[in-house]
């Protein structure tokens, strides 16, 4: 238990250091108003003594006005401080949540590819959004809520002790009964909350999968199947929340019982003294009101055991991600390479223990086109991932301009490449934004890229032109149009190395012709690497590298490889039936 409390304290200490500390002045000001607000309850109960003793019992009508004026002023102060305190703490909570979400997204984007293989998008959305929102109100709750309630209790118990210490002791006779249940409730809610956050991630993942695969769902009549899977997840969340709610209500319920015992003790002790004339009615009413007003703060503080654990569980999940460090990091070199020649030397690579590259070695000369061909699974796409350092090889060396890739700053390295793949990744933004990708360019440069990629042929006919939305994942465009938008990106990027991964394989003849024309124009003067299963697109390459089982089995131009009558010639015969 001590270890868990220490771990929780460390988590919130980190949150203070990382996110709350910049707002210390605003929090301190909120605390001042919080103290004023919390103190008013004690003063209100104290004012009941002159109200009863001087006005109701003593018959002093003149005291009505000054006693009533003080009570009204206390209510006015309480109302004003509540508004100010709530506004200050809400601004802090929202600022912290916004910063935390931004930091989470930035950090997640910097992590390695295997992280995204193990964590689906829906689960990551829940981490960035759901967990940060769960933490969002914790400091507002604890500083504004718990802090106010603690101050209120201190002032109320101060009044109670001032009236009669023995009565106060009698009122607190059942307090020790709360200790063990509170600790048990915290442990249970922490455990259930972590499971509920996992279930919430599964819910987000299921929604993401269904909505992005809606066509497959409809065509395969999977509506009932997907609904049942989703229902099982949300039912599990529902059951967990019901259990947490029931268990979380245990401590406030015990507070009610303990308070009831306290009232019984005070009535037995204090009521007898008042009837004997040893204490005044004002004394008893002031004390009784203080205890009655303490009832709600005590209940709220009792329920905070669950709130604390809910926030702690989410904060733990947040820091689980923030503490991850990418294995692929930038090197010291911030200058571009002297040239764009690419060389792989005895490169070996495996995924989850399954070899993909087995001593791959070849050179792509600067300013020339090198085609990578071979059967599916031979390791061709892995080469592109290695060149851009989306992954690093297990062994061997890859150089760019004679400089090992690991020596480059990641930003500098990736600035050397433009990539056009079979699946053009478009965003649910305008065509203009999908081409610019956050890098402002003048209109003339954008227009040249649009025309070079044959995007103008369809964009100019759209009602809003380049300001037309591409739809979710580019769904408002055809396959050929998406490819041409991707090529326009590459033209505008103007990187010295071009990577083409099956860029025309899924297109019809007309679209392929237009896209191929754009690619041919884009390749001029650049070091180009092409992956293609359709060998008609690589006949004119300066070099063709044939890869099988993760190693080079042949290389040369088309005519040379046909003359060798080896693996490449066999592929040509398989596709065209001739050489």
Protein backbone atom coordinates (compact mmCIF):
# COMPACT_ATOMS: atom_id res chain seq x y z
CA UNK A 1 0.00 0.00 0.00
CA UNK A 2 2.81 2.39 0.91
CA UNK A 3 4.50 1.73 -2.46
CA UNK A 4 1.30 2.46 -4.35
CA UNK A 5 0.73 5.68 -2.41
CA UNK A 6 4.32 6.70 -3.13
CA UNK A 7 3.87 5.92 -6.82
CA UNK A 8 0.65 7.95 -6.97
CA UNK A 9 2.31 10.86 -5.17
CA UNK A 10 5.21 10.73 -7.64
CA UNK A 11 2.80 10.82 -10.58
CA UNK A 12 1.07 13.94 -9.33
CA UNK A 13 4.42 15.50 -8.43
CA UNK A 14 5.51 14.98 -12.05
CA UNK A 15 2.29 16.51 -13.27
CA UNK A 16 2.92 19.54 -11.09
CA UNK A 17 6.48 19.89 -12.38
CA UNK A 18 5.67 19.26 -16.04
CA UNK A 19 2.33 21.00 -16.46
CA UNK A 20 0.99 22.89 -13.43
CA UNK A 21 4.09 24.76 -12.28
CA UNK A 22 3.82 27.48 -15.00
CA UNK A 23 0.42 28.41 -13.56
CA UNK A 24 1.54 28.63 -9.92
CA UNK A 25 0.58 32.31 -9.59
CA UNK A 26 -2.95 31.65 -10.88
CA UNK A 27 -3.29 28.66 -8.56
CA UNK A 28 -2.00 30.68 -5.60
CA UNK A 29 -4.57 33.40 -6.31
CA UNK A 30 -7.28 30.76 -6.54
CA UNK A 31 -6.15 29.42 -3.16
CA UNK A 32 -6.62 32.86 -1.59
CA UNK A 33 -10.22 33.02 -2.81
CA UNK A 34 -10.65 29.39 -1.83
CA UNK A 35 -9.66 30.15 1.76
CA UNK A 36 -12.09 33.07 1.84
CA UNK A 37 -14.89 30.90 0.46
CA UNK A 38 -14.19 27.99 2.78
CA UNK A 39 -13.99 30.21 5.86
CA UNK A 40 -17.45 31.67 5.35
CA UNK A 41 -19.18 28.48 6.54
CA UNK A 42 -17.45 28.61 9.91
CA UNK A 43 -18.32 32.30 10.29
CA UNK A 44 -21.93 31.62 9.32
CA UNK A 45 -22.29 28.96 12.02
CA UNK A 46 -20.59 31.26 14.55
CA UNK A 47 -23.09 34.06 13.78
CA UNK A 48 -25.96 31.81 14.85
CA UNK A 49 -24.89 32.21 18.51
CA UNK A 50 -25.75 35.97 18.69
CA UNK A 51 -28.76 35.37 16.42
CA UNK A 52 -30.31 32.97 18.94
CA UNK A 53 -28.96 34.35 22.21
CA UNK A 54 -29.51 38.08 21.51
CA UNK A 55 -32.42 38.10 19.07
CA UNK A 56 -34.58 35.01 19.48
CA UNK A 57 -33.99 34.39 23.19
CA UNK A 58 -32.83 37.81 24.40
CA UNK A 59 -35.42 39.76 22.36
CA UNK A 60 -32.89 42.42 21.19
CA UNK A 61 -34.51 43.58 17.94
CA UNK A 62 -31.70 46.05 17.21
CA UNK A 63 -29.29 43.12 16.82
CA UNK A 64 -31.36 41.77 13.90
CA UNK A 65 -29.87 44.28 11.49
CA UNK A 66 -26.20 43.94 12.28
CA UNK A 67 -26.42 40.13 12.61
CA UNK A 68 -28.45 39.90 9.40
CA UNK A 69 -26.06 42.30 7.64
CA UNK A 70 -23.03 40.18 8.61
CA UNK A 71 -24.74 36.97 7.45
CA UNK A 72 -25.72 38.56 4.11
CA UNK A 73 -22.17 39.85 3.63
CA UNK A 74 -20.80 36.35 4.25
CA UNK A 75 -23.14 34.90 1.61
CA UNK A 76 -22.10 37.66 -0.82
CA UNK A 77 -18.40 36.95 -0.22
CA UNK A 78 -19.04 33.23 -0.67
CA UNK A 79 -20.81 33.78 -4.00
CA UNK A 80 -18.13 36.11 -5.40
CA UNK A 81 -15.18 33.99 -4.32
CA UNK A 82 -16.84 30.87 -5.76
CA UNK A 83 -17.17 32.46 -9.23
CA UNK A 84 -13.62 33.81 -9.22
CA UNK A 85 -12.09 30.59 -7.91
CA UNK A 86 -14.03 28.40 -10.36
CA UNK A 87 -13.00 30.62 -13.30
CA UNK A 88 -9.33 30.57 -12.32
CA UNK A 89 -9.15 26.81 -11.82
CA UNK A 90 -11.14 26.03 -14.97
CA UNK A 91 -8.68 28.08 -17.00
CA UNK A 92 -5.77 26.17 -15.42
CA UNK A 93 -7.41 22.77 -15.98
CA UNK A 94 -8.17 23.47 -19.65
CA UNK A 95 -4.71 24.93 -20.28
CA UNK A 96 -3.05 21.88 -18.71
CA UNK A 97 -5.27 19.45 -20.64
CA UNK A 98 -4.60 21.23 -23.93
CA UNK A 99 -0.85 21.24 -23.36
CA UNK A 100 -0.89 17.59 -22.31
CA UNK A 101 -2.81 16.56 -25.44
CA UNK A 102 -0.38 18.49 -27.64
CA UNK A 103 2.65 16.95 -25.92
CA UNK A 104 1.14 13.47 -26.15
CA UNK A 105 0.54 13.78 -29.89
CA UNK A 106 3.99 15.25 -30.55
CA UNK A 107 5.64 12.49 -28.51
CA UNK A 108 3.61 9.69 -30.10
CA UNK A 109 4.52 10.92 -33.60
CA UNK A 110 8.21 10.66 -32.65
CA UNK A 111 7.98 6.99 -31.63
CA UNK A 112 9.15 4.08 -33.77
CA UNK A 113 7.06 2.10 -36.22
CA UNK A 114 6.75 -0.97 -33.99
CA UNK A 115 4.90 1.16 -31.43
CA UNK A 116 2.15 1.81 -33.98
CA UNK A 117 2.01 -1.87 -34.89
CA UNK A 118 1.27 -2.72 -31.26
CA UNK A 119 -1.08 0.22 -30.57
CA UNK A 120 -3.98 0.73 -32.99
CA UNK A 121 -5.16 4.28 -33.81
CA UNK A 122 -8.30 4.01 -31.67
CA UNK A 123 -6.29 3.12 -28.58
CA UNK A 124 -3.93 6.03 -29.16
CA UNK A 125 -6.85 8.42 -29.67
CA UNK A 126 -8.18 7.31 -26.29
CA UNK A 127 -4.75 7.92 -24.72
CA UNK A 128 -4.50 11.43 -26.16
CA UNK A 129 -8.12 12.39 -25.60
CA UNK A 130 -9.80 10.16 -23.02
CA UNK A 131 -6.97 9.89 -20.49
CA UNK A 132 -6.09 13.60 -20.60
CA UNK A 133 -9.74 14.57 -20.12
CA UNK A 134 -9.96 12.17 -17.17
CA UNK A 135 -6.99 13.98 -15.61
CA UNK A 136 -8.20 17.42 -16.71
CA UNK A 137 -10.45 18.17 -13.76
CA UNK A 138 -8.39 16.53 -11.04
CA UNK A 139 -6.50 19.61 -9.93
CA UNK A 140 -9.58 21.78 -10.18
CA UNK A 141 -11.41 19.18 -8.10
CA UNK A 142 -8.69 18.83 -5.52
CA UNK A 143 -7.71 22.48 -5.24
CA UNK A 144 -11.14 24.07 -5.67
CA UNK A 145 -13.26 21.23 -4.34
CA UNK A 146 -11.14 19.40 -1.82
CA UNK A 147 -9.26 22.52 -0.80
CA UNK A 148 -12.45 24.48 -0.21
CA UNK A 149 -13.98 21.59 1.71
CA UNK A 150 -10.90 21.17 3.90
CA UNK A 151 -10.88 24.90 4.71
CA UNK A 152 -14.62 24.74 5.41
CA UNK A 153 -14.15 21.77 7.76
CA UNK A 154 -11.28 23.46 9.57
CA UNK A 155 -13.32 26.60 10.12
CA UNK A 156 -16.41 24.61 11.14
CA UNK A 157 -14.48 22.40 13.54
CA UNK A 158 -12.77 25.52 14.86
CA UNK A 159 -16.19 26.91 15.72
CA UNK A 160 -17.26 23.56 17.22
CA UNK A 161 -14.13 23.35 19.41
CA UNK A 162 -14.56 26.97 20.47
CA UNK A 163 -18.12 26.20 21.57
CA UNK A 164 -17.27 22.95 23.39
CA UNK A 165 -14.30 20.56 22.86
CA UNK A 166 -16.15 17.66 24.48
CA UNK A 167 -19.12 18.01 22.17
CA UNK A 168 -16.67 17.99 19.23
CA UNK A 169 -15.03 14.81 20.53
CA UNK A 170 -18.43 13.15 20.80
CA UNK A 171 -19.28 14.19 17.21
CA UNK A 172 -16.10 12.51 15.93
CA UNK A 173 -16.46 9.24 17.83
CA UNK A 174 -17.06 7.17 14.66
CA UNK A 175 -14.33 8.76 12.47
CA UNK A 176 -11.80 5.85 12.81
CA UNK A 177 -14.36 3.59 11.12
CA UNK A 178 -13.63 5.38 7.81
CA UNK A 179 -9.91 4.59 7.51
CA UNK A 180 -9.85 0.95 6.34
CA UNK A 181 -12.86 1.18 3.95
CA UNK A 182 -11.34 4.26 2.31
CA UNK A 183 -8.05 2.43 1.61
CA UNK A 184 -9.84 -0.62 0.21
CA UNK A 185 -12.07 1.52 -2.01
CA UNK A 186 -9.05 3.33 -3.44
CA UNK A 187 -7.34 0.07 -4.38
CA UNK A 188 -10.47 -1.33 -6.01
CA UNK A 189 -11.27 1.81 -8.01
CA UNK A 190 -7.66 2.15 -9.21
CA UNK A 191 -7.72 -1.42 -10.52
CA UNK A 192 -11.15 -1.14 -12.15
CA UNK A 193 -10.35 2.24 -13.66
CA UNK A 194 -7.25 0.93 -15.41
CA UNK A 195 -9.34 -1.88 -16.89
CA UNK A 196 -12.03 0.58 -17.94
CA UNK A 197 -9.45 2.76 -19.70
CA UNK A 198 -8.25 -0.34 -21.59
CA UNK A 199 -11.85 -1.13 -22.53
CA UNK A 200 -12.36 2.46 -23.65
CA UNK A 201 -9.31 2.09 -25.92
CA UNK A 202 -10.82 -1.08 -27.38
CA UNK A 203 -14.09 0.77 -27.98
CA UNK A 204 -12.30 3.57 -29.84
CA UNK A 205 -10.31 1.01 -31.85
CA UNK A 206 -13.46 -0.88 -32.81
CA UNK A 207 -15.17 2.33 -33.95
CA UNK A 208 -12.10 3.35 -35.95
CA UNK A 209 -11.94 -0.04 -37.66
CA UNK A 210 -15.65 -0.14 -38.49
CA UNK A 211 -15.96 3.40 -39.77
CA UNK A 212 -12.81 3.26 -41.88
CA UNK A 213 -13.80 -0.15 -43.24
CA UNK A 214 -17.47 0.65 -43.74
CA UNK A 215 -17.52 -0.53 -47.36
CA UNK A 216 -16.11 -3.94 -46.41
CA UNK A 217 -18.63 -4.14 -43.56
CA UNK A 218 -21.54 -3.47 -45.89
CA UNK A 219 -20.34 -5.68 -48.77
CA UNK A 220 -19.73 -8.63 -46.45
CA UNK A 221 -22.90 -8.07 -44.43
CA UNK A 222 -20.93 -7.71 -41.18
CA UNK A 223 -23.27 -5.19 -39.53
CA UNK A 224 -24.61 -7.61 -36.91
CA UNK A 225 -21.18 -9.12 -36.26
CA UNK A 226 -19.54 -5.73 -35.73
CA UNK A 227 -22.46 -4.48 -33.63
CA UNK A 228 -22.19 -7.54 -31.37
CA UNK A 229 -18.44 -7.05 -30.92
CA UNK A 230 -18.97 -3.38 -30.09
CA UNK A 231 -21.82 -4.22 -27.72
CA UNK A 232 -19.64 -6.63 -25.74
CA UNK A 233 -17.05 -3.90 -25.21
CA UNK A 234 -19.49 -1.18 -24.16
CA UNK A 235 -21.34 -3.62 -21.90
CA UNK A 236 -18.05 -4.38 -20.16
CA UNK A 237 -17.46 -0.64 -19.70
CA UNK A 238 -21.00 -0.21 -18.37
CA UNK A 239 -20.62 -3.01 -15.83
CA UNK A 240 -17.28 -1.63 -14.68
CA UNK A 241 -18.68 1.87 -14.22
CA UNK A 242 -21.65 0.56 -12.26
CA UNK A 243 -19.34 -1.37 -9.93
CA UNK A 244 -17.06 1.65 -9.48
CA UNK A 245 -20.04 3.88 -8.78
CA UNK A 246 -21.41 1.45 -6.19
CA UNK A 247 -18.06 0.92 -4.48
CA UNK A 248 -17.21 4.61 -4.72
CA UNK A 249 -20.44 5.46 -2.88
CA UNK A 250 -19.36 3.30 0.07
CA UNK A 251 -17.21 5.96 1.74
CA UNK A 252 -19.80 8.77 1.51
CA UNK A 253 -22.38 6.31 2.84
CA UNK A 254 -20.11 5.50 5.79
CA UNK A 255 -19.66 9.24 6.36
CA UNK A 256 -23.44 9.46 6.70
CA UNK A 257 -23.42 6.70 9.33
CA UNK A 258 -20.50 8.22 11.22
CA UNK A 259 -22.13 11.65 11.11
CA UNK A 260 -25.38 10.19 12.40
CA UNK A 261 -23.53 8.61 15.32
CA UNK A 262 -21.87 11.96 16.00
CA UNK A 263 -25.17 13.81 16.04
CA UNK A 264 -26.60 11.22 18.42
CA UNK A 265 -23.65 11.68 20.78
CA UNK A 266 -23.89 15.48 20.68
CA UNK A 267 -27.64 15.41 21.34
CA UNK A 268 -27.17 13.09 24.30
CA UNK A 269 -24.35 15.19 25.78
CA UNK A 270 -25.20 18.75 24.73
CA UNK A 271 -28.99 18.53 24.91
CA UNK A 272 -28.83 17.63 28.60
CA UNK A 273 -26.50 20.57 29.35
CA UNK A 274 -28.79 23.04 27.56
CA UNK A 275 -31.90 21.80 29.39
CA UNK A 276 -30.06 22.17 32.70
CA UNK A 277 -29.15 25.75 31.75
CA UNK A 278 -25.40 25.05 31.71
CA UNK A 279 -25.15 26.10 28.03
CA UNK A 280 -27.23 28.54 25.98
CA UNK A 281 -29.48 27.74 23.06
CA UNK A 282 -27.14 29.87 20.91
CA UNK A 283 -24.19 27.67 21.89
CA UNK A 284 -26.04 24.54 20.86
CA UNK A 285 -27.41 26.00 17.59
CA UNK A 286 -24.01 27.36 16.62
CA UNK A 287 -22.40 23.99 17.32
CA UNK A 288 -25.20 21.99 15.70
CA UNK A 289 -25.14 24.18 12.57
CA UNK A 290 -21.36 23.82 12.30
CA UNK A 291 -21.71 20.05 12.44
CA UNK A 292 -24.63 20.08 9.96
CA UNK A 293 -22.70 22.27 7.53
CA UNK A 294 -19.71 19.92 7.85
CA UNK A 295 -21.88 17.04 6.64
CA UNK A 296 -21.71 17.81 2.89
CA UNK A 297 -17.97 18.66 2.79
CA UNK A 298 -17.28 15.39 4.59
CA UNK A 299 -19.33 13.43 2.04
CA UNK A 300 -17.58 15.15 -0.87
CA UNK A 301 -14.16 14.47 0.62
CA UNK A 302 -15.16 10.85 1.12
CA UNK A 303 -16.05 10.49 -2.57
CA UNK A 304 -12.67 11.96 -3.58
CA UNK A 305 -11.03 8.62 -2.87
CA UNK A 306 -12.51 7.39 -6.13
CA UNK A 307 -11.82 10.63 -8.03
CA UNK A 308 -8.16 10.50 -6.99
CA UNK A 309 -7.77 6.95 -8.22
CA UNK A 310 -9.56 7.63 -11.52
CA UNK A 311 -7.14 10.46 -12.23
CA UNK A 312 -4.16 8.43 -11.03
CA UNK A 313 -5.01 5.53 -13.36
CA UNK A 314 -5.27 7.84 -16.38
CA UNK A 315 -2.15 9.79 -15.42
CA UNK A 316 -0.23 6.53 -15.10
CA UNK A 317 -1.30 5.55 -18.64
CA UNK A 318 -0.26 8.97 -19.95
CA UNK A 319 3.21 8.75 -18.44
CA UNK A 320 3.55 5.15 -19.64
CA UNK A 321 3.52 6.64 -23.15
CA UNK A 322 5.50 9.79 -22.40
CA UNK A 323 8.27 7.70 -20.81
CA UNK A 324 8.77 5.68 -24.01
CA UNK A 325 11.82 6.68 -26.00
CA UNK A 326 12.30 6.06 -29.73
CA UNK A 327 15.15 3.75 -30.71
CA UNK A 328 15.64 5.71 -33.96
CA UNK A 329 17.18 9.07 -33.07
CA UNK A 330 18.83 11.90 -34.98
CA UNK A 331 22.53 11.93 -35.69
CA UNK A 332 24.76 15.02 -35.36
CA UNK A 333 25.10 15.87 -39.06
CA UNK A 334 22.85 18.76 -40.15
CA UNK A 335 24.36 19.28 -43.60
CA UNK A 336 22.88 17.49 -46.62
CA UNK A 337 24.99 14.73 -48.22
CA UNK A 338 27.64 15.68 -50.82
CA UNK A 339 25.76 13.66 -53.46
CA UNK A 340 22.77 11.33 -53.66
CA UNK A 341 24.44 8.00 -54.38
CA UNK A 342 22.88 5.26 -52.24
CA UNK A 343 24.79 2.17 -51.13
CA UNK A 344 23.64 -0.84 -49.12
CA UNK A 345 26.32 -3.17 -47.79
CA UNK A 346 25.42 -6.60 -46.34
CA UNK A 347 22.20 -5.25 -44.83
CA UNK A 348 20.21 -7.67 -42.67
CA UNK A 349 16.78 -7.00 -41.27
CA UNK A 350 14.10 -9.01 -39.50
CA UNK A 351 10.62 -8.36 -38.13
CA UNK A 352 9.65 -10.20 -34.94
CA UNK A 353 12.40 -12.74 -35.56
CA UNK A 354 11.42 -13.35 -39.21
CA UNK A 355 14.30 -12.49 -41.61
CA UNK A 356 13.37 -10.06 -44.39
CA UNK A 357 16.77 -8.97 -45.71
CA UNK A 358 19.64 -11.42 -45.75
CA UNK A 359 22.84 -9.60 -46.64
CA UNK A 360 21.36 -7.19 -49.23
CA UNK A 361 23.98 -5.19 -51.12
CA UNK A 362 23.60 -2.86 -54.12
CA UNK A 363 24.32 0.70 -55.25
CA UNK A 364 21.93 3.27 -56.72
CA UNK A 365 24.01 5.81 -58.66
CA UNK A 366 23.27 9.51 -58.23
CA UNK A 367 21.05 10.99 -60.92
CA UNK A 368 20.04 7.58 -62.32
CA UNK A 369 16.95 5.38 -62.03
CA UNK A 370 17.30 2.09 -60.17
CA UNK A 371 14.41 -0.38 -60.21
CA UNK A 372 13.86 -3.03 -57.52
CA UNK A 373 11.94 -6.06 -58.75
CA UNK A 374 11.16 -9.47 -57.36
CA UNK A 375 8.37 -11.50 -55.81
CA UNK A 376 6.16 -10.20 -52.99
CA UNK A 377 7.87 -10.47 -49.62
CA UNK A 378 11.35 -10.24 -51.13
CA UNK A 379 12.13 -7.13 -49.04
CA UNK A 380 11.73 -4.34 -51.60
CA UNK A 381 9.49 -2.05 -49.53
CA UNK A 382 11.71 -2.64 -46.50
CA UNK A 383 14.54 -0.96 -48.44
CA UNK A 384 12.49 2.25 -48.65
CA UNK A 385 11.75 2.14 -44.94
CA UNK A 386 15.44 1.68 -44.23
CA UNK A 387 16.47 4.58 -46.48
CA UNK A 388 14.15 7.00 -44.68
CA UNK A 389 15.02 5.46 -41.29
CA UNK A 390 11.49 4.46 -40.49
CA UNK A 391 13.35 1.35 -39.31
CA UNK A 392 17.03 0.58 -38.80
CA UNK A 393 18.77 -2.59 -40.00
CA UNK A 394 19.90 -5.27 -37.60
CA UNK A 395 23.35 -5.17 -39.18
CA UNK A 396 25.16 -3.88 -42.23
CA UNK A 397 25.51 -0.30 -43.40
CA UNK A 398 23.54 2.09 -45.59
CA UNK A 399 25.19 5.26 -46.86
CA UNK A 400 23.94 8.34 -48.67
CA UNK A 401 26.66 10.23 -50.50
CA UNK A 402 29.17 8.07 -48.65
CA UNK A 403 27.81 9.14 -45.23
CA UNK A 404 26.13 6.52 -42.98
CA UNK A 405 22.44 7.28 -42.54
CA UNK A 406 22.70 7.16 -38.74
CA UNK A 407 24.96 10.23 -38.82
CA UNK A 408 22.29 12.50 -40.31
CA UNK A 409 19.76 14.52 -38.40
CA UNK A 410 16.43 12.81 -39.12
CA UNK A 411 14.88 15.99 -40.52
CA UNK A 412 17.83 16.57 -42.85
CA UNK A 413 17.80 12.94 -43.99
CA UNK A 414 14.09 12.81 -44.74
CA UNK A 415 14.29 16.13 -46.59
CA UNK A 416 16.34 14.29 -49.21
CA UNK A 417 13.43 12.02 -50.18
CA UNK A 418 10.09 12.36 -51.90
CA UNK A 419 7.93 9.25 -51.82
CA UNK A 420 4.99 8.26 -54.02
CA UNK A 421 3.41 4.94 -53.07
CA UNK A 422 0.50 2.81 -54.24
CA UNK A 423 -1.63 4.01 -51.33
CA UNK A 424 -1.46 7.80 -51.44
CA UNK A 425 -2.11 8.97 -47.88
CA UNK A 426 -4.46 11.93 -48.14
CA UNK A 427 -6.01 13.82 -45.25
CA UNK A 428 -9.57 15.05 -44.80
CA UNK A 429 -8.51 18.53 -45.88
CA UNK A 430 -8.56 20.55 -49.11
CA UNK A 431 -6.52 19.55 -52.14
CA UNK A 432 -4.37 22.61 -51.53
CA UNK A 433 -3.58 21.56 -47.96
CA UNK A 434 -2.94 17.97 -49.08
CA UNK A 435 -0.34 19.21 -51.55
CA UNK A 436 1.32 21.83 -49.33
CA UNK A 437 1.38 19.56 -46.23
CA UNK A 438 1.90 22.49 -43.88
CA UNK A 439 4.79 24.00 -45.88
CA UNK A 440 3.66 27.35 -47.36
CA UNK A 441 4.60 28.00 -51.01
CA UNK A 442 3.83 30.84 -53.37
CA UNK A 443 0.92 30.39 -55.77
CA UNK A 444 3.17 30.18 -58.82
CA UNK A 445 5.15 27.22 -57.42
CA UNK A 446 1.94 25.50 -56.37
CA UNK A 447 0.46 25.98 -59.83
CA UNK A 448 3.55 24.54 -61.52
CA UNK A 449 3.35 21.45 -59.29
CA UNK A 450 -0.36 21.03 -59.95
CA UNK A 451 0.13 21.21 -63.71
CA UNK A 452 3.20 18.95 -63.73
CA UNK A 453 1.29 16.27 -61.82
CA UNK A 454 -1.82 16.61 -64.05
CA UNK A 455 -3.87 17.61 -61.00
CA UNK A 456 -5.12 20.72 -62.80
CA UNK A 457 -6.95 18.51 -65.32
CA UNK A 458 -9.54 17.53 -62.69
CA UNK A 459 -9.09 20.20 -59.97
CA UNK A 460 -9.92 23.11 -62.30
CA UNK A 461 -13.27 21.50 -63.07
CA UNK A 462 -14.26 21.28 -59.38
CA UNK A 463 -16.54 24.02 -57.99
CA UNK A 464 -13.98 25.10 -55.39
CA UNK A 465 -10.87 24.10 -57.31
CA UNK A 466 -7.93 23.34 -55.05
CA UNK A 467 -10.03 24.33 -52.06
CA UNK A 468 -12.25 21.28 -52.56
CA UNK A 469 -12.10 18.75 -49.71
CA UNK A 470 -10.40 15.44 -50.49
CA UNK A 471 -12.73 13.64 -48.04
CA UNK A 472 -11.73 11.18 -45.29
CA UNK A 473 -8.54 9.44 -46.46
CA UNK A 474 -9.06 11.00 -49.90
CA UNK A 475 -12.36 9.16 -50.44
CA UNK A 476 -13.79 12.00 -52.56
CA UNK A 477 -11.15 11.32 -55.23
CA UNK A 478 -10.50 8.40 -57.55
CA UNK A 479 -7.36 6.29 -57.23
CA UNK A 480 -5.68 8.07 -60.15
CA UNK A 481 -6.57 11.49 -58.74
CA UNK A 482 -5.13 10.58 -55.35
CA UNK A 483 -1.92 9.45 -57.00
CA UNK A 484 -1.62 12.70 -58.94
CA UNK A 485 -2.10 14.71 -55.72
CA UNK A 486 0.72 12.66 -54.17
CA UNK A 487 2.92 13.39 -57.18
CA UNK A 488 2.13 17.11 -56.90
CA UNK A 489 3.41 16.91 -53.33
CA UNK A 490 6.64 15.37 -54.56
CA UNK A 491 7.04 18.01 -57.29
CA UNK A 492 6.55 20.80 -54.77
CA UNK A 493 8.85 19.14 -52.25
CA UNK A 494 11.61 19.09 -54.90
CA UNK A 495 13.73 16.56 -53.00
CA UNK A 496 16.84 15.21 -54.75
CA UNK A 497 15.85 11.54 -54.31
CA UNK A 498 12.57 10.03 -55.50
CA UNK A 499 11.16 6.79 -54.10
CA UNK A 500 8.34 5.22 -56.14
CA UNK A 501 6.61 2.26 -54.51
CA UNK A 502 4.14 0.57 -56.88
CA UNK A 503 2.92 4.06 -57.77
CA UNK A 504 0.80 2.98 -60.79
CA UNK A 505 -0.05 -0.65 -60.06
CA UNK A 506 -3.67 -0.08 -58.99
CA UNK A 507 -4.65 2.34 -61.78
CA UNK A 508 -6.62 1.95 -64.97
CA UNK A 509 -4.86 2.45 -68.30
CA UNK A 510 -5.84 6.12 -68.74
CA UNK A 511 -4.90 7.07 -65.17
CA UNK A 512 -1.69 5.06 -65.41
CA UNK A 513 -0.68 6.93 -68.55
CA UNK A 514 -1.20 10.32 -66.92
CA UNK A 515 0.50 9.31 -63.67
CA UNK A 516 3.43 7.74 -65.53
CA UNK A 517 3.90 10.92 -67.56
CA UNK A 518 4.02 12.93 -64.33
CA UNK A 519 6.48 10.48 -62.77
CA UNK A 520 8.72 10.54 -65.82
CA UNK A 521 8.88 14.31 -65.63
CA UNK A 522 9.52 14.23 -61.90
CA UNK A 523 12.38 11.70 -62.23
CA UNK A 524 14.47 13.84 -64.57
CA UNK A 525 17.72 14.83 -62.87
CA UNK A 526 16.90 12.96 -59.68
CA UNK A 527 18.20 9.79 -58.09
CA UNK A 528 15.17 7.54 -58.44
CA UNK A 529 14.41 4.17 -56.89
CA UNK A 530 11.39 2.32 -58.24
CA UNK A 531 9.55 -0.69 -56.85
CA UNK A 532 7.31 -2.26 -59.48
CA UNK A 533 5.63 -5.58 -60.11
CA UNK A 534 4.50 -4.42 -63.56
CA UNK A 535 7.78 -4.77 -65.37
CA UNK A 536 6.61 -2.61 -68.28
CA UNK A 537 7.20 0.41 -66.04
CA UNK A 538 10.89 -0.37 -65.39
CA UNK A 539 12.18 -1.38 -68.84
CA UNK A 540 13.87 2.01 -69.27
CA UNK A 541 15.54 2.03 -65.83
CA UNK A 542 19.32 2.56 -65.82
CA UNK A 543 19.69 -0.40 -63.49
CA UNK A 544 17.35 -3.19 -62.46
CA UNK A 545 18.10 -4.99 -59.19
CA UNK A 546 16.38 -8.35 -58.78
CA UNK A 547 15.76 -9.24 -55.13
CA UNK A 548 14.67 -12.63 -53.86
CA UNK A 549 14.50 -13.80 -50.24
CA UNK A 550 16.14 -10.59 -49.04
CA UNK A 551 19.25 -10.69 -51.24
CA UNK A 552 20.28 -9.52 -54.71
CA UNK A 553 20.24 -12.32 -57.26
CA UNK A 554 20.77 -10.25 -60.43
CA UNK A 555 21.41 -6.67 -61.52
CA UNK A 556 21.83 -4.85 -64.82
CA UNK A 557 19.66 -3.08 -67.38
CA UNK A 558 16.70 -4.73 -69.13
CA UNK A 559 18.62 -5.98 -72.15
CA UNK A 560 21.50 -7.35 -70.07
CA UNK A 561 19.18 -9.24 -67.75
CA UNK A 562 17.16 -10.67 -70.63
CA UNK A 563 20.42 -11.89 -72.17
CA UNK A 564 21.37 -13.61 -68.91
CA UNK A 565 18.09 -15.57 -69.09
CA UNK A 566 17.87 -15.76 -65.31
CA UNK A 567 15.35 -14.69 -62.67
CA UNK A 568 14.43 -11.41 -64.38
CA UNK A 569 13.89 -13.07 -67.76
CA UNK A 570 11.65 -15.61 -66.04
CA UNK A 571 9.59 -12.80 -64.52
CA UNK A 572 9.25 -11.13 -67.93
CA UNK A 573 8.09 -14.37 -69.54
CA UNK A 574 5.63 -14.90 -66.71
CA UNK A 575 4.08 -11.47 -67.23
CA UNK A 576 4.29 -11.06 -71.00
CA UNK A 577 4.85 -14.56 -72.32
CA UNK A 578 7.83 -13.29 -74.29
CA UNK A 579 11.26 -11.66 -73.91
